Amino acid sequence: MTNKHTDEGPFLSEFEKDLDGVVLREMVTYRYKDGMMIKEKVSRSFKKGGDYHDKTSSTPMPELK
């Protein structure tokens, strides 16, 4: 299945870049869910020898009045 938002362009090319020298990669998404804005964050820490550690978090954002 194709997705016009992720199948081309600079967003996809960033994920296809060479990872030589990269120690951390993060992506943040802001989403409305059940009437509340949620900040979703995923990160990958790269270790020597090609190993890595993934982390995810989901944080409700305070309502601004």
Protein backbone atom coordinates (compact mmCIF):
# COMPACT_ATOMS: atom_id res chain seq x y z
CA MET A 1 0.00 0.00 0.00
CA THR A 2 1.36 3.43 -0.88
CA ASN A 3 1.06 6.60 1.17
CA LYS A 4 1.43 9.92 -0.65
CA HIS A 5 2.73 11.52 2.57
CA THR A 6 5.70 9.17 3.08
CA ASP A 7 6.49 7.54 -0.28
CA GLU A 8 8.58 10.41 -1.66
CA GLY A 9 10.20 13.74 -0.88
CA PRO A 10 12.65 15.01 1.71
CA PHE A 11 10.94 13.27 4.63
CA LEU A 12 11.54 9.82 3.13
CA SER A 13 15.01 10.69 1.84
CA GLU A 14 16.04 11.67 5.39
CA PHE A 15 15.31 8.11 6.55
CA GLU A 16 17.25 6.64 3.63
CA LYS A 17 20.42 8.66 4.37
CA ASP A 18 23.67 6.99 5.37
CA LEU A 19 23.77 6.55 9.16
CA ASP A 20 27.55 6.85 9.41
CA GLY A 21 28.33 8.97 12.48
CA VAL A 22 24.70 9.22 13.63
CA VAL A 23 24.31 8.71 17.41
CA LEU A 24 20.64 9.66 17.85
CA ARG A 25 17.60 9.99 15.60
CA GLU A 26 14.23 11.35 16.78
CA MET A 27 10.81 11.91 15.31
CA VAL A 28 8.01 13.89 16.97
CA THR A 29 4.34 13.75 15.98
CA TYR A 30 1.53 15.90 17.40
CA ARG A 31 -1.86 14.21 17.21
CA TYR A 32 -5.41 15.04 18.33
CA LYS A 33 -6.91 12.01 20.04
CA ASP A 34 -10.14 11.92 22.05
CA GLY A 35 -10.27 15.74 22.08
CA MET A 36 -6.74 16.13 23.46
CA MET A 37 -3.44 16.95 21.78
CA ILE A 38 -0.83 14.24 22.29
CA LYS A 39 2.92 14.52 21.62
CA GLU A 40 4.30 11.19 20.39
CA LYS A 41 8.08 10.81 20.27
CA VAL A 42 10.19 7.94 18.97
CA SER A 43 13.97 7.86 19.18
CA ARG A 44 16.78 5.50 18.26
CA SER A 45 20.16 5.66 19.98
CA PHE A 46 22.91 4.04 17.93
CA LYS A 47 25.65 2.06 19.68
CA LYS A 48 29.04 0.89 18.51
CA GLY A 49 28.98 -2.29 16.44
CA GLY A 50 25.63 -1.50 14.81
CA ASP A 51 23.41 -2.13 17.83
CA TYR A 52 20.70 0.38 18.77
CA HIS A 53 18.09 1.15 21.44
CA ASP A 54 14.57 2.37 20.58
CA LYS A 55 12.40 4.45 22.90
CA THR A 56 8.82 5.71 22.54
CA SER A 57 6.84 8.18 24.63
CA SER A 58 3.38 9.68 24.52
CA THR A 59 2.71 12.92 26.40
CA PRO A 60 -0.65 14.67 26.76
CA MET A 61 -0.26 18.39 26.08
CA PRO A 62 -1.93 20.92 28.40
CA GLU A 63 -4.89 22.81 27.03
CA LEU A 64 -4.16 26.48 26.44
CA LYS A 65 -6.93 28.85 27.43
